[in-house]
Amino acid sequence: MPASTPLSILQDVFGYAAFRGAQQAIIDHVVTGGDALVLMPTGGGKSLCYQVPAIQRHLNERGVAIVVSPLIALMHDQVGALEEAGVHAAFLNSSLTMEEAQRIEREMMAGRLVLLYAAPERITTPRFLAQLDSLHERGLLSLFAIDEAHCVSQWGHDFREDYLGLNVLHERFADVPRIALTATADDLTRADIIERLQLQSARIFISSFDRPNIRYAIVEKDNARTQLLRFIQDEHEGDAGIVYCQSRKKVEETAAWLEGEGIAALPYHAGLDAAVRKKHQDRFLREDSIVMVATIAFGMGIDKPDVRFVAHLDLPKNIEGYYQETGRAGRDGLPANAWMAYGLADVVNQRRMIEDSPAAEEFKRGQRGKLDALLALAEAHDCRRVRLLAYFGENTERCAAYQNACDNCQNAPATWDATEAARKALSCIYRFHQNRGQRFGAGHLIDVLRGKVTDKVTQFHHQELSTFGIGADVSEAQWRAVLRQLIALGHVQTEGEYNTLELTATARDVLRGDVQLLLRQPSEAPRRARAARGSTAAGKSSGAKDRAPPVALDADGLERFTALKAWRAEIAREHNLPAYIVFHDATLAEMARAHPQSLDELAGISGVGAKKLEAYGREILRVLSGGAQPEPTDR
């Protein structure tokens, strides 16, 4: 690594011409020994913010950087990518044999490693801390990078108790710079990170949370599986994607159903055998057209750049979780979709999980507020991007001018004044309670409002209530939207095993007419034309080889792009790495477009660093020239 400045490291090692956004300022601050808290969206280049300082400080004989990482998959991918770029890195985790772990420890103690990745539970053990003491005494401890820093906060969406012990790093190694990084943290979570990691003197860097390449769409549930299948078939045939479900059972059932419909889908949840989880994750990372159906146990640290969509079949707990999960789409900066289907049952279930939690009332109150913000986003009939960014304290214009505008800006939803309907619903719930304290769920309430005579209506003589049939002019779908909104706004709450409905104190404001409810008109999302991609005779998934490249290419360029992808696949198999770690699609596409004729011209392509140029350059030129398929290249 001959580079000697952050910019030259970026160019020579990683092959990028210039820093983006706040990267330069963050890196300069950490290189000179400052602490930093970095909030940067997924795909914004967080890893470079600690990798470049680690390389710079190592070149200044500062030894090894310790990276706190919560997931084995993230460690493997990051280390693989660094080694491909010519940076000596390693990880310590349970996937290693004792002999392998001991070899890596020897390299760490000798100061030969540039970066070492390890989980928080390993770093805080007495043995590992003693090793860090030894490195520190010899001046061979360059920095600490705490990735996924939101895990330290009880207010965050992914709290991990092992992170709480990381305050020892400041207490024990106060002169070693620390950089904590996360893609999602509201004000409360941010304050918690600062307090628990003792980052009060750290400089805070907050990048824009906007992901302009992601289109946000939320639809009302109406046979959610069919809606999901239509979404995939219409817009993402042959694409890699992630589908999130709340329960393990639903994950397995949905994956099996998608398989039966001709979609290459795999299940992933914490209840699966570790070997099965690893196999499925490896397939997702290494193959181009896999749809992973998962609980939130999957995704953190997954760096696959060409995930074209993230879908939710169940409502997440809060906006932080939603943003983190949807942010796994389109890491390469190309257009991607965040799609969600939700309904009344989602609202009821999330409310019940909060209320049934053994947590303290203060924590429950915080979780209710976070859920309310997500429900407001889901029910919104104005710009979703404006609401999403406002949650993180960022103001923006509505996204109608975006290439990937949200569904509301693309197709403004029809609305209706549901104020009177809400008053009728609350009146009916009140009449139930007046009638010997009876409580009923949403289905029965809607039957009574619409004047539908059922066995239960007859059993309880509810056809005799003054509210029977007063909402016959409102459709069932509209009534469910009204109840969903009343529960979301806290005017109605659900109780007990059967989710019976009960008025809250604020229901009086609605009954008096002091609260106006303007709701979306229930409707199916418009069926959109399929995105242009390679076609097949059978009309089934065309697969990665036929997928459109990231940039426009003529016929010769497309042929070169296809040849480069075939070559990359061979290299990735030989090195046992996901293909994108060798080169991203965007880099291959630019090679195919520019058609460099020399190593110097090839070095000008973004993403081609010095090590990769040396290892692969001549073979790439051979492939571009239409020569015979090259033999696998040694690292």
Foldseek 3Di string as FASTA:
>chain_A
DPDADLQSCCCFQFNFNDADDCLVVLQVQVLVQFAEEEAAAQLNPPVSSVLSSLVNVVVVVQFEEEEADADPVLQVFVCLLNVLSVAAEEEDDPVDDPVVNVVVLVCRLVRNHSYYYYHLLVCLDPVNVVSVVSCVVVSRYAAYEYEQLLLCDPLAPNPDVSSLSQLVCCVPPVRHYYYYYHHDDAPVSVVSSCVSNVVPVHHYHYDANDLLQEAEEEAADDPLLVVVVLCCLFAPFQAEAEEEEADQVVQVVSQVVVVVVVAQEDEDEPPDDPVSNVVVLLCSLAFGRYYYYYHPVDDVSDNRQAHAEYEYAAQRQFLRSLSSRRSSHRSVSHHHYYYYYYFLVRLQVSLVVLVPDPDDPVSSVSSLVRNLLSLCLNFDQFFSSQSSSVSRVDGDDQCLVGPNHYLSSVPRFDKDWCLVVLLLLQVLQVVCCVLVHHWDAQVVSVCQQLQHDDPVCVVSVSNPDPNGRVNVVDDPRRSRQSVSVCVSVPQWHFDDPRRTIDGDPCVVCSNVVVDIDMGGDRDDRDNDHYDDWAADPVRHRPHDLTGDQRDDDDPQLNQLLSLVQVLLSQQCVVVVHHSVSLPNSNQSSVCSRVVDQDLVVNSNGRRCHNSSSVFCVVQSNCSSVVHDNDDHTDD
